[in-house]
Amino acid sequence: MGGYISFPFQKDSSSRVKEIDKAIASLKLMRDEIRRFRNKLQNQIDIAKENVQHCIRNKNKRLALLNLRRQKYIESGLKQAESSLYNIEQTISGIESSQIQAEVYKSLKSGNDVLKNFRNEICISQVEKLMEETEDAIIYQSKINDALSSKGILERDEDLLDELENLSCEIEATDELPIVRNIRRNEEEISLPSKKICLTNC
């Protein structure tokens, strides 16, 4: 892995990002070009190897040696291409990592600024005062609840329940009176002797 490339965080971050993107795009084009060149060299090496083997089978030592030299020369170029490709890929990786680091730094700085603003808006003494006032309000409400559930209130409730019970009994008794009167009236009618009515002079 190569070392990371550090870019200072500046106010003109948008222009900086554009420059970095252009640099990455240019490096990626070069990387792709070297990859194509590497593949081409690898094909030439394979052909040179086949020619060497063919010359050896045909007992053509001079031509085999010539093809072998050509193979070694191409292999040397392939090694250089591999080294250049490695360096370019490491550079791209370093720039992209630096971009991520810059974004992380920017996010952390923004979050830190927000926290500072909160600390400036919220004073410790104000928070303590608010907590004290809240505690006082809770205590006051608790006292009100205790007063409402005190013994005097309970006694009044019991008196009201007793009065309500008496009223209920009176109403029930009043509702039963017409029924009792009707029962008594029916009993009296049943107990009266029947009188005969004379149509003629008795």
N, C-alpha and C. Protein backbone atom coordinates (compact mmCIF):
# COMPACT_ATOMS: atom_id res chain seq x y z
N MET A 1 0.83 -1.19 0.00
CA MET A 1 0.00 0.00 0.00
C MET A 1 0.86 1.23 0.00
N GLY A 2 0.47 2.26 -0.71
CA GLY A 2 1.22 3.50 -0.74
C GLY A 2 0.74 4.44 0.33
N GLY A 3 1.50 5.49 0.56
CA GLY A 3 1.12 6.45 1.57
C GLY A 3 -0.03 7.31 1.11
N TYR A 4 -0.83 7.80 2.08
CA TYR A 4 -1.96 8.63 1.75
C TYR A 4 -1.48 10.03 1.37
N ILE A 5 -2.20 10.64 0.45
CA ILE A 5 -1.89 12.00 0.03
C ILE A 5 -2.84 12.93 0.77
N SER A 6 -2.32 13.87 1.52
CA SER A 6 -3.13 14.76 2.33
C SER A 6 -3.41 16.04 1.57
N PHE A 7 -4.68 16.44 1.57
CA PHE A 7 -5.07 17.70 0.96
C PHE A 7 -5.62 18.60 2.05
N PRO A 8 -5.10 19.83 2.20
CA PRO A 8 -5.59 20.72 3.24
C PRO A 8 -7.02 21.12 2.98
N PHE A 9 -7.79 21.18 4.04
CA PHE A 9 -9.20 21.56 3.94
C PHE A 9 -9.31 23.07 3.79
N GLN A 10 -9.86 23.53 2.68
CA GLN A 10 -9.99 24.95 2.42
C GLN A 10 -11.45 25.28 2.16
N LYS A 11 -11.71 26.61 2.11
CA LYS A 11 -13.08 27.04 1.90
C LYS A 11 -13.54 26.73 0.48
N ASP A 12 -12.60 26.83 -0.52
CA ASP A 12 -12.98 26.53 -1.90
C ASP A 12 -12.92 25.03 -2.13
N SER A 13 -13.68 24.29 -1.32
CA SER A 13 -13.64 22.83 -1.39
C SER A 13 -14.23 22.32 -2.69
N SER A 14 -15.20 23.03 -3.26
CA SER A 14 -15.82 22.56 -4.51
C SER A 14 -14.81 22.53 -5.65
N SER A 15 -13.99 23.59 -5.78
CA SER A 15 -12.97 23.60 -6.83
C SER A 15 -11.90 22.56 -6.56
N ARG A 16 -11.58 22.37 -5.29
CA ARG A 16 -10.60 21.35 -4.92
C ARG A 16 -11.09 19.97 -5.31
N VAL A 17 -12.37 19.71 -5.06
CA VAL A 17 -12.95 18.40 -5.40
C VAL A 17 -12.91 18.18 -6.91
N LYS A 18 -13.20 19.22 -7.68
CA LYS A 18 -13.16 19.08 -9.14
C LYS A 18 -11.75 18.75 -9.62
N GLU A 19 -10.75 19.39 -9.04
CA GLU A 19 -9.36 19.11 -9.43
C GLU A 19 -8.99 17.67 -9.09
N ILE A 20 -9.40 17.23 -7.94
CA ILE A 20 -9.09 15.85 -7.53
C ILE A 20 -9.79 14.85 -8.44
N ASP A 21 -11.04 15.12 -8.78
CA ASP A 21 -11.78 14.22 -9.67
C ASP A 21 -11.12 14.14 -11.04
N LYS A 22 -10.63 15.28 -11.53
CA LYS A 22 -9.94 15.27 -12.83
C LYS A 22 -8.65 14.45 -12.75
N ALA A 23 -7.93 14.61 -11.65
CA ALA A 23 -6.70 13.86 -11.49
C ALA A 23 -6.98 12.36 -11.43
N ILE A 24 -8.01 11.97 -10.71
CA ILE A 24 -8.36 10.55 -10.61
C ILE A 24 -8.78 10.01 -11.98
N ALA A 25 -9.58 10.79 -12.70
CA ALA A 25 -10.03 10.36 -14.03
C ALA A 25 -8.84 10.17 -14.97
N SER A 26 -7.87 11.10 -14.92
CA SER A 26 -6.69 10.98 -15.78
C SER A 26 -5.87 9.75 -15.41
N LEU A 27 -5.69 9.50 -14.12
CA LEU A 27 -4.94 8.33 -13.68
C LEU A 27 -5.62 7.03 -14.09
N LYS A 28 -6.95 7.01 -14.02
CA LYS A 28 -7.67 5.80 -14.40
C LYS A 28 -7.56 5.53 -15.90
N LEU A 29 -7.55 6.59 -16.69
CA LEU A 29 -7.34 6.40 -18.14
C LEU A 29 -5.96 5.82 -18.41
N MET A 30 -4.93 6.36 -17.71
CA MET A 30 -3.58 5.83 -17.87
C MET A 30 -3.50 4.38 -17.40
N ARG A 31 -4.19 4.08 -16.31
CA ARG A 31 -4.20 2.69 -15.81
C ARG A 31 -4.78 1.74 -16.84
N ASP A 32 -5.90 2.13 -17.44
CA ASP A 32 -6.53 1.28 -18.45
C ASP A 32 -5.62 1.11 -19.67
N GLU A 33 -4.92 2.19 -20.04
CA GLU A 33 -4.00 2.11 -21.18
C GLU A 33 -2.85 1.16 -20.90
N ILE A 34 -2.31 1.21 -19.69
CA ILE A 34 -1.21 0.31 -19.32
C ILE A 34 -1.69 -1.13 -19.26
N ARG A 35 -2.92 -1.34 -18.79
CA ARG A 35 -3.46 -2.70 -18.77
C ARG A 35 -3.56 -3.28 -20.18
N ARG A 36 -4.01 -2.47 -21.11
CA ARG A 36 -4.10 -2.95 -22.50
C ARG A 36 -2.70 -3.25 -23.05
N PHE A 37 -1.74 -2.36 -22.73
CA PHE A 37 -0.36 -2.58 -23.19
C PHE A 37 0.23 -3.83 -22.56
N ARG A 38 -0.07 -4.06 -21.29
CA ARG A 38 0.41 -5.27 -20.61
C ARG A 38 -0.14 -6.53 -21.28
N ASN A 39 -1.42 -6.52 -21.60
CA ASN A 39 -2.02 -7.67 -22.26
C ASN A 39 -1.38 -7.92 -23.64
N LYS A 40 -1.08 -6.83 -24.32
CA LYS A 40 -0.42 -6.95 -25.63
C LYS A 40 0.96 -7.58 -25.49
N LEU A 41 1.73 -7.13 -24.50
CA LEU A 41 3.06 -7.69 -24.27
C LEU A 41 2.97 -9.17 -23.89
N GLN A 42 1.97 -9.52 -23.09
CA GLN A 42 1.82 -10.91 -22.68
C GLN A 42 1.53 -11.79 -23.89
N ASN A 43 0.74 -11.30 -24.82
CA ASN A 43 0.48 -12.08 -26.05
C ASN A 43 1.75 -12.25 -26.87
N GLN A 44 2.55 -11.16 -26.94
CA GLN A 44 3.82 -11.25 -27.69
C GLN A 44 4.79 -12.22 -27.04
N ILE A 45 4.81 -12.27 -25.72
CA ILE A 45 5.67 -13.22 -25.01
C ILE A 45 5.25 -14.65 -25.32
N ASP A 46 3.93 -14.89 -25.31
CA ASP A 46 3.43 -16.24 -25.61
C ASP A 46 3.84 -16.66 -27.04
N ILE A 47 3.73 -15.72 -27.96
CA ILE A 47 4.13 -16.04 -29.35
C ILE A 47 5.64 -16.32 -29.43
N ALA A 48 6.44 -15.51 -28.71
CA ALA A 48 7.90 -15.72 -28.71
C ALA A 48 8.25 -17.08 -28.14
N LYS A 49 7.57 -17.51 -27.09
CA LYS A 49 7.82 -18.83 -26.49
C LYS A 49 7.51 -19.93 -27.50
N GLU A 50 6.40 -19.79 -28.20
CA GLU A 50 6.04 -20.82 -29.20
C GLU A 50 7.09 -20.87 -30.33
N ASN A 51 7.59 -19.69 -30.72
CA ASN A 51 8.61 -19.66 -31.78
C ASN A 51 9.91 -20.32 -31.32
N VAL A 52 10.27 -20.07 -30.06
CA VAL A 52 11.49 -20.70 -29.52
C VAL A 52 11.35 -22.21 -29.54
N GLN A 53 10.20 -22.70 -29.08
CA GLN A 53 9.98 -24.14 -29.05
C GLN A 53 9.97 -24.73 -30.47
N HIS A 54 9.36 -23.98 -31.39
CA HIS A 54 9.31 -24.46 -32.78
C HIS A 54 10.73 -24.54 -33.38
N CYS A 55 11.57 -23.54 -33.10
CA CYS A 55 12.94 -23.55 -33.63
C CYS A 55 13.78 -24.66 -33.01
N ILE A 56 13.54 -24.91 -31.73
CA ILE A 56 14.28 -25.98 -31.06
C ILE A 56 13.92 -27.33 -31.68
N ARG A 57 12.62 -27.54 -31.96
CA ARG A 57 12.19 -28.80 -32.57
C ARG A 57 12.79 -28.94 -33.97
N ASN A 58 12.96 -27.82 -34.66
CA ASN A 58 13.51 -27.86 -36.03
C ASN A 58 15.05 -27.78 -36.04
N LYS A 59 15.65 -27.86 -34.88
CA LYS A 59 17.11 -27.84 -34.74
C LYS A 59 17.73 -26.52 -35.27
N ASN A 60 16.93 -25.44 -35.21
CA ASN A 60 17.41 -24.13 -35.67
C ASN A 60 17.84 -23.34 -34.43
N LYS A 61 19.08 -23.57 -34.01
CA LYS A 61 19.55 -22.98 -32.77
C LYS A 61 19.67 -21.46 -32.88
N ARG A 62 20.14 -20.95 -34.01
CA ARG A 62 20.35 -19.51 -34.14
C ARG A 62 19.02 -18.76 -34.07
N LEU A 63 18.00 -19.25 -34.78
CA LEU A 63 16.69 -18.60 -34.75
C LEU A 63 16.01 -18.75 -33.39
N ALA A 64 16.24 -19.89 -32.73
CA ALA A 64 15.69 -20.10 -31.39
C ALA A 64 16.28 -19.10 -30.41
N LEU A 65 17.62 -18.86 -30.54
CA LEU A 65 18.27 -17.90 -29.66
C LEU A 65 17.74 -16.49 -29.90
N LEU A 66 17.49 -16.18 -31.17
CA LEU A 66 16.97 -14.85 -31.51
C LEU A 66 15.58 -14.63 -30.90
N ASN A 67 14.76 -15.62 -31.02
CA ASN A 67 13.40 -15.52 -30.45
C ASN A 67 13.43 -15.48 -28.92
N LEU A 68 14.40 -16.19 -28.33
CA LEU A 68 14.52 -16.18 -26.88
C LEU A 68 14.93 -14.79 -26.38
N ARG A 69 15.87 -14.16 -27.12
CA ARG A 69 16.26 -12.80 -26.74
C ARG A 69 15.07 -11.83 -26.85
N ARG A 70 14.32 -12.01 -27.92
CA ARG A 70 13.13 -11.17 -28.09
C ARG A 70 12.13 -11.39 -26.95
N GLN A 71 11.98 -12.63 -26.53
CA GLN A 71 11.08 -12.96 -25.41
C GLN A 71 11.53 -12.26 -24.14
N LYS A 72 12.84 -12.31 -23.84
CA LYS A 72 13.36 -11.68 -22.63
C LYS A 72 13.19 -10.16 -22.67
N TYR A 73 13.35 -9.60 -23.85
CA TYR A 73 13.19 -8.15 -23.98
C TYR A 73 11.74 -7.75 -23.71
N ILE A 74 10.81 -8.52 -24.25
CA ILE A 74 9.39 -8.22 -24.04
C ILE A 74 9.02 -8.42 -22.57
N GLU A 75 9.59 -9.46 -21.95
CA GLU A 75 9.32 -9.70 -20.52
C GLU A 75 9.83 -8.54 -19.67
N SER A 76 10.97 -7.95 -20.06
CA SER A 76 11.48 -6.78 -19.35
C SER A 76 10.51 -5.61 -19.46
N GLY A 77 9.95 -5.40 -20.65
CA GLY A 77 8.94 -4.35 -20.83
C GLY A 77 7.67 -4.63 -20.04
N LEU A 78 7.31 -5.92 -19.93
CA LEU A 78 6.12 -6.30 -19.16
C LEU A 78 6.31 -5.98 -17.68
N LYS A 79 7.52 -6.24 -17.16
CA LYS A 79 7.79 -5.92 -15.76
C LYS A 79 7.67 -4.42 -15.50
N GLN A 80 8.18 -3.61 -16.44
CA GLN A 80 8.05 -2.16 -16.29
C GLN A 80 6.58 -1.73 -16.32
N ALA A 81 5.82 -2.35 -17.20
CA ALA A 81 4.39 -2.03 -17.29
C ALA A 81 3.67 -2.41 -15.99
N GLU A 82 4.02 -3.59 -15.44
CA GLU A 82 3.42 -4.02 -14.17
C GLU A 82 3.76 -3.05 -13.05
N SER A 83 5.02 -2.58 -13.01
CA SER A 83 5.44 -1.64 -11.97
C SER A 83 4.70 -0.31 -12.10
N SER A 84 4.58 0.18 -13.34
CA SER A 84 3.86 1.44 -13.58
C SER A 84 2.38 1.30 -13.20
N LEU A 85 1.79 0.16 -13.54
CA LEU A 85 0.39 -0.09 -13.22
C LEU A 85 0.18 -0.12 -11.70
N TYR A 86 1.13 -0.75 -11.00
CA TYR A 86 1.03 -0.82 -9.53
C TYR A 86 1.10 0.58 -8.92
N ASN A 87 2.03 1.40 -9.40
CA ASN A 87 2.17 2.75 -8.86
C ASN A 87 0.92 3.60 -9.12
N ILE A 88 0.36 3.47 -10.30
CA ILE A 88 -0.84 4.24 -10.62
C ILE A 88 -2.01 3.81 -9.75
N GLU A 89 -2.19 2.50 -9.58
CA GLU A 89 -3.29 2.00 -8.74
C GLU A 89 -3.12 2.45 -7.30
N GLN A 90 -1.87 2.47 -6.80
CA GLN A 90 -1.63 2.94 -5.43
C GLN A 90 -1.91 4.43 -5.31
N THR A 91 -1.58 5.20 -6.35
CA THR A 91 -1.85 6.64 -6.32
C THR A 91 -3.35 6.90 -6.30
N ILE A 92 -4.09 6.17 -7.14
CA ILE A 92 -5.56 6.32 -7.16
C ILE A 92 -6.14 5.97 -5.80
N SER A 93 -5.68 4.87 -5.22
CA SER A 93 -6.17 4.45 -3.91
C SER A 93 -5.86 5.50 -2.85
N GLY A 94 -4.65 6.08 -2.93
CA GLY A 94 -4.27 7.10 -1.95
C GLY A 94 -5.13 8.35 -2.06
N ILE A 95 -5.41 8.78 -3.29
CA ILE A 95 -6.24 9.97 -3.48
C ILE A 95 -7.66 9.72 -2.98
N GLU A 96 -8.23 8.57 -3.33
CA GLU A 96 -9.59 8.26 -2.89
C GLU A 96 -9.67 8.15 -1.37
N SER A 97 -8.63 7.59 -0.75
CA SER A 97 -8.60 7.51 0.71
C SER A 97 -8.52 8.91 1.32
N SER A 98 -7.74 9.79 0.69
CA SER A 98 -7.63 11.16 1.18
C SER A 98 -8.95 11.90 1.05
N GLN A 99 -9.69 11.61 -0.02
CA GLN A 99 -11.02 12.20 -0.17
C GLN A 99 -11.94 11.78 0.97
N ILE A 100 -11.89 10.50 1.30
CA ILE A 100 -12.72 10.01 2.40
C ILE A 100 -12.31 10.67 3.71
N GLN A 101 -11.00 10.79 3.93
CA GLN A 101 -10.52 11.43 5.15
C GLN A 101 -10.97 12.89 5.21
N ALA A 102 -10.93 13.58 4.06
CA ALA A 102 -11.37 14.98 4.03
C ALA A 102 -12.86 15.09 4.35
N GLU A 103 -13.66 14.15 3.82
CA GLU A 103 -15.09 14.16 4.10
C GLU A 103 -15.36 13.88 5.57
N VAL A 104 -14.61 12.93 6.13
CA VAL A 104 -14.77 12.62 7.56
C VAL A 104 -14.41 13.83 8.41
N TYR A 105 -13.31 14.50 8.04
CA TYR A 105 -12.90 15.70 8.77
C TYR A 105 -13.97 16.78 8.68
N LYS A 106 -14.52 16.96 7.48
CA LYS A 106 -15.55 17.97 7.29
C LYS A 106 -16.79 17.65 8.13
N SER A 107 -17.19 16.38 8.15
CA SER A 107 -18.36 15.98 8.94
C SER A 107 -18.11 16.17 10.43
N LEU A 108 -16.92 15.78 10.89
CA LEU A 108 -16.59 15.95 12.31
C LEU A 108 -16.56 17.43 12.70
N LYS A 109 -16.00 18.25 11.83
CA LYS A 109 -15.93 19.68 12.11
C LYS A 109 -17.33 20.28 12.17
N SER A 110 -18.20 19.87 11.23
CA SER A 110 -19.57 20.37 11.23
C SER A 110 -20.31 19.95 12.50
N GLY A 111 -20.14 18.67 12.89
CA GLY A 111 -20.78 18.20 14.12
C GLY A 111 -20.25 18.92 15.35
N ASN A 112 -18.95 19.19 15.37
CA ASN A 112 -18.35 19.90 16.50
C ASN A 112 -18.88 21.33 16.59
N ASP A 113 -19.07 21.96 15.43
CA ASP A 113 -19.62 23.33 15.43
C ASP A 113 -21.05 23.34 15.97
N VAL A 114 -21.82 22.31 15.62
CA VAL A 114 -23.20 22.23 16.13
C VAL A 114 -23.19 22.07 17.65
N LEU A 115 -22.29 21.22 18.15
CA LEU A 115 -22.21 21.02 19.60
C LEU A 115 -21.79 22.32 20.29
N LYS A 116 -20.88 23.06 19.69
CA LYS A 116 -20.47 24.34 20.27
C LYS A 116 -21.64 25.31 20.34
N ASN A 117 -22.45 25.33 19.28
CA ASN A 117 -23.61 26.22 19.28
C ASN A 117 -24.59 25.83 20.37
N PHE A 118 -24.79 24.53 20.55
CA PHE A 118 -25.68 24.08 21.62
C PHE A 118 -25.14 24.50 22.99
N ARG A 119 -23.84 24.36 23.15
CA ARG A 119 -23.24 24.73 24.44
C ARG A 119 -23.36 26.23 24.68
N ASN A 120 -23.26 27.01 23.61
CA ASN A 120 -23.41 28.46 23.77
C ASN A 120 -24.85 28.85 24.08
N GLU A 121 -25.80 28.13 23.50
CA GLU A 121 -27.21 28.45 23.74
C GLU A 121 -27.69 27.96 25.10
N ILE A 122 -27.15 26.87 25.57
CA ILE A 122 -27.60 26.28 26.83
C ILE A 122 -26.52 26.52 27.89
N CYS A 123 -26.87 27.35 28.86
CA CYS A 123 -25.94 27.65 29.96
C CYS A 123 -26.19 26.66 31.10
N ILE A 124 -25.13 26.25 31.75
CA ILE A 124 -25.26 25.28 32.85
C ILE A 124 -26.12 25.85 33.97
N SER A 125 -25.92 27.13 34.29
CA SER A 125 -26.70 27.74 35.36
C SER A 125 -28.19 27.78 35.02
N GLN A 126 -28.49 28.01 33.72
CA GLN A 126 -29.88 28.01 33.30
C GLN A 126 -30.49 26.62 33.41
N VAL A 127 -29.72 25.62 33.04
CA VAL A 127 -30.21 24.25 33.16
C VAL A 127 -30.47 23.89 34.61
N GLU A 128 -29.54 24.27 35.50
CA GLU A 128 -29.72 23.99 36.92
C GLU A 128 -30.94 24.71 37.47
N LYS A 129 -31.15 25.96 37.04
CA LYS A 129 -32.32 26.71 37.49
C LYS A 129 -33.59 26.05 37.01
N LEU A 130 -33.60 25.62 35.75
CA LEU A 130 -34.77 24.94 35.20
C LEU A 130 -35.06 23.65 35.95
N MET A 131 -34.02 22.89 36.30
CA MET A 131 -34.21 21.66 37.04
C MET A 131 -34.78 21.93 38.42
N GLU A 132 -34.29 23.01 39.07
CA GLU A 132 -34.81 23.37 40.38
C GLU A 132 -36.28 23.76 40.29
N GLU A 133 -36.63 24.56 39.28
CA GLU A 133 -38.02 24.96 39.12
C GLU A 133 -38.90 23.74 38.84
N THR A 134 -38.39 22.83 38.05
CA THR A 134 -39.15 21.61 37.77
C THR A 134 -39.36 20.78 39.03
N GLU A 135 -38.31 20.68 39.83
CA GLU A 135 -38.42 19.94 41.09
C GLU A 135 -39.40 20.60 42.03
N ASP A 136 -39.38 21.94 42.09
CA ASP A 136 -40.33 22.66 42.94
C ASP A 136 -41.76 22.42 42.48
N ALA A 137 -41.95 22.43 41.16
CA ALA A 137 -43.30 22.20 40.63
C ALA A 137 -43.78 20.79 40.96
N ILE A 138 -42.88 19.81 40.89
CA ILE A 138 -43.25 18.43 41.23
C ILE A 138 -43.62 18.32 42.70
N ILE A 139 -42.84 18.97 43.57
CA ILE A 139 -43.12 18.94 45.01
C ILE A 139 -44.46 19.61 45.30
N TYR A 140 -44.72 20.75 44.63
CA TYR A 140 -45.98 21.47 44.85
C TYR A 140 -47.17 20.62 44.42
N GLN A 141 -47.03 19.96 43.26
CA GLN A 141 -48.11 19.10 42.79
C GLN A 141 -48.32 17.92 43.73
N SER A 142 -47.22 17.41 44.28
CA SER A 142 -47.34 16.32 45.24
C SER A 142 -48.09 16.76 46.49
N LYS A 143 -47.84 17.99 46.94
CA LYS A 143 -48.55 18.52 48.11
C LYS A 143 -50.04 18.65 47.82
N ILE A 144 -50.36 19.10 46.61
CA ILE A 144 -51.78 19.21 46.23
C ILE A 144 -52.45 17.85 46.24
N ASN A 145 -51.76 16.85 45.70
CA ASN A 145 -52.32 15.50 45.69
C ASN A 145 -52.53 14.97 47.11
N ASP A 146 -51.54 15.25 47.98
CA ASP A 146 -51.69 14.82 49.37
C ASP A 146 -52.86 15.52 50.03
N ALA A 147 -53.05 16.82 49.74
CA ALA A 147 -54.16 17.56 50.35
C ALA A 147 -55.50 17.02 49.88
N LEU A 148 -55.59 16.67 48.58
CA LEU A 148 -56.85 16.15 48.06
C LEU A 148 -57.18 14.78 48.62
N SER A 149 -56.15 14.02 48.95
CA SER A 149 -56.39 12.68 49.49
C SER A 149 -56.27 12.64 51.00
N SER A 150 -56.37 13.81 51.67
CA SER A 150 -56.22 13.87 53.12
C SER A 150 -57.48 13.36 53.82
N LYS A 151 -57.44 13.31 55.16
CA LYS A 151 -58.52 12.73 55.94
C LYS A 151 -59.80 13.55 55.85
N GLY A 152 -59.70 14.89 55.86
CA GLY A 152 -60.88 15.74 55.78
C GLY A 152 -61.67 15.49 54.52
N ILE A 153 -61.00 15.36 53.41
CA ILE A 153 -61.69 15.10 52.17
C ILE A 153 -62.36 13.74 52.20
N LEU A 154 -61.71 12.75 52.82
CA LEU A 154 -62.29 11.41 52.90
C LEU A 154 -63.55 11.41 53.77
N GLU A 155 -63.54 12.17 54.88
CA GLU A 155 -64.72 12.24 55.74
C GLU A 155 -65.89 12.87 55.01
N ARG A 156 -65.61 13.91 54.24
CA ARG A 156 -66.68 14.52 53.46
C ARG A 156 -67.24 13.52 52.45
N ASP A 157 -66.37 12.78 51.83
CA ASP A 157 -66.83 11.77 50.89
C ASP A 157 -67.71 10.74 51.58
N GLU A 158 -67.36 10.33 52.79
CA GLU A 158 -68.17 9.35 53.52
C GLU A 158 -69.54 9.93 53.87
N ASP A 159 -69.57 11.21 54.27
CA ASP A 159 -70.85 11.85 54.57
C ASP A 159 -71.74 11.89 53.34
N LEU A 160 -71.13 12.20 52.22
CA LEU A 160 -71.90 12.27 50.98
C LEU A 160 -72.43 10.89 50.60
N LEU A 161 -71.62 9.86 50.82
CA LEU A 161 -72.08 8.51 50.50
C LEU A 161 -73.24 8.09 51.41
N ASP A 162 -73.16 8.46 52.70
CA ASP A 162 -74.26 8.15 53.63
C ASP A 162 -75.54 8.87 53.22
N GLU A 163 -75.39 10.14 52.85
CA GLU A 163 -76.57 10.90 52.43
C GLU A 163 -77.17 10.32 51.16
N LEU A 164 -76.31 9.91 50.25
CA LEU A 164 -76.79 9.30 49.01
C LEU A 164 -77.52 8.00 49.28
N GLU A 165 -77.05 7.22 50.25
CA GLU A 165 -77.71 5.97 50.62
C GLU A 165 -79.08 6.23 51.21
N ASN A 166 -79.20 7.26 52.08
CA ASN A 166 -80.49 7.60 52.68
C ASN A 166 -81.49 8.05 51.63
N LEU A 167 -81.03 8.86 50.70
CA LEU A 167 -81.90 9.31 49.62
C LEU A 167 -82.39 8.14 48.78
N SER A 168 -81.52 7.19 48.53
CA SER A 168 -81.90 6.03 47.75
C SER A 168 -82.98 5.23 48.46
N CYS A 169 -82.83 5.08 49.78
CA CYS A 169 -83.84 4.34 50.55
C CYS A 169 -85.19 5.05 50.53
N GLU A 170 -85.15 6.36 50.67
CA GLU A 170 -86.40 7.13 50.65
C GLU A 170 -87.11 7.00 49.31
N ILE A 171 -86.32 7.07 48.24
CA ILE A 171 -86.93 6.98 46.91
C ILE A 171 -87.54 5.60 46.70
N GLU A 172 -86.85 4.57 47.12
CA GLU A 172 -87.39 3.22 46.97
C GLU A 172 -88.68 3.04 47.78
N ALA A 173 -88.70 3.62 48.98
CA ALA A 173 -89.89 3.52 49.82
C ALA A 173 -91.06 4.27 49.21
N THR A 174 -90.78 5.42 48.65
CA THR A 174 -91.83 6.20 48.00
C THR A 174 -92.39 5.48 46.79
N ASP A 175 -91.53 4.84 46.04
CA ASP A 175 -91.99 4.13 44.85
C ASP A 175 -92.85 2.93 45.21
N GLU A 176 -92.69 2.35 46.40
CA GLU A 176 -93.46 1.17 46.80
C GLU A 176 -94.82 1.52 47.37
N LEU A 177 -95.07 2.77 47.78
CA LEU A 177 -96.33 3.16 48.43
C LEU A 177 -97.56 2.92 47.55
N PRO A 178 -97.61 3.33 46.29
CA PRO A 178 -98.81 3.06 45.47
C PRO A 178 -99.13 1.59 45.36
N ILE A 179 -98.10 0.75 45.35
CA ILE A 179 -98.34 -0.70 45.24
C ILE A 179 -99.01 -1.20 46.50
N VAL A 180 -98.55 -0.72 47.68
CA VAL A 180 -99.15 -1.16 48.95
C VAL A 180 -100.58 -0.70 49.06
N ARG A 181 -100.85 0.54 48.64
CA ARG A 181 -102.22 1.07 48.69
C ARG A 181 -103.15 0.26 47.82
N ASN A 182 -102.70 -0.08 46.63
CA ASN A 182 -103.53 -0.88 45.73
C ASN A 182 -103.82 -2.25 46.31
N ILE A 183 -102.77 -2.83 46.96
CA ILE A 183 -102.97 -4.14 47.58
C ILE A 183 -104.01 -4.06 48.68
N ARG A 184 -103.94 -3.01 49.53
CA ARG A 184 -104.91 -2.84 50.63
C ARG A 184 -106.31 -2.60 50.09
N ARG A 185 -106.43 -1.78 49.03
CA ARG A 185 -107.75 -1.48 48.45
C ARG A 185 -108.37 -2.75 47.90
N ASN A 186 -107.58 -3.59 47.27
CA ASN A 186 -108.12 -4.85 46.73
C ASN A 186 -108.56 -5.77 47.84
N GLU A 187 -107.78 -5.77 48.94
CA GLU A 187 -108.15 -6.63 50.08
C GLU A 187 -109.46 -6.17 50.70
N GLU A 188 -109.69 -4.83 50.80
CA GLU A 188 -110.93 -4.32 51.38
C GLU A 188 -112.13 -4.67 50.52
N GLU A 189 -111.97 -4.58 49.20
CA GLU A 189 -113.08 -4.91 48.32
C GLU A 189 -113.46 -6.38 48.44
N ILE A 190 -112.41 -7.22 48.64
CA ILE A 190 -112.71 -8.64 48.76
C ILE A 190 -113.45 -8.94 50.08
N SER A 191 -113.12 -8.23 51.15
CA SER A 191 -113.69 -8.50 52.47
C SER A 191 -115.07 -7.93 52.65
N LEU A 192 -115.60 -6.99 51.84
CA LEU A 192 -116.92 -6.39 52.00
C LEU A 192 -118.00 -7.41 51.67
N PRO A 193 -119.10 -7.50 52.48
CA PRO A 193 -120.20 -8.45 52.19
C PRO A 193 -121.01 -7.99 50.99
N SER A 194 -121.48 -8.92 50.25
CA SER A 194 -122.26 -8.60 49.06
C SER A 194 -123.69 -8.27 49.46
N LYS A 195 -124.23 -7.23 48.92
CA LYS A 195 -125.61 -6.80 49.21
C LYS A 195 -126.51 -7.17 48.03
N LYS A 196 -127.66 -7.75 48.38
CA LYS A 196 -128.64 -8.08 47.38
C LYS A 196 -129.52 -6.89 47.08
N ILE A 197 -129.84 -6.69 45.92
CA ILE A 197 -130.70 -5.57 45.51
C ILE A 197 -132.11 -6.10 45.24
N CYS A 198 -133.12 -5.59 45.99
CA CYS A 198 -134.51 -6.03 45.81
C CYS A 198 -135.17 -5.19 44.76
N LEU A 199 -135.71 -5.89 43.79
CA LEU A 199 -136.42 -5.18 42.74
C LEU A 199 -137.87 -4.97 43.09
N THR A 200 -138.32 -5.84 44.05
CA THR A 200 -139.73 -5.72 44.49
C THR A 200 -139.76 -5.29 45.93
N ASN A 201 -140.88 -4.99 46.43
CA ASN A 201 -141.01 -4.60 47.84
C ASN A 201 -140.78 -5.80 48.70
N CYS A 202 -139.81 -5.71 49.56
CA CYS A 202 -139.44 -6.82 50.46
C CYS A 202 -140.30 -6.76 51.72
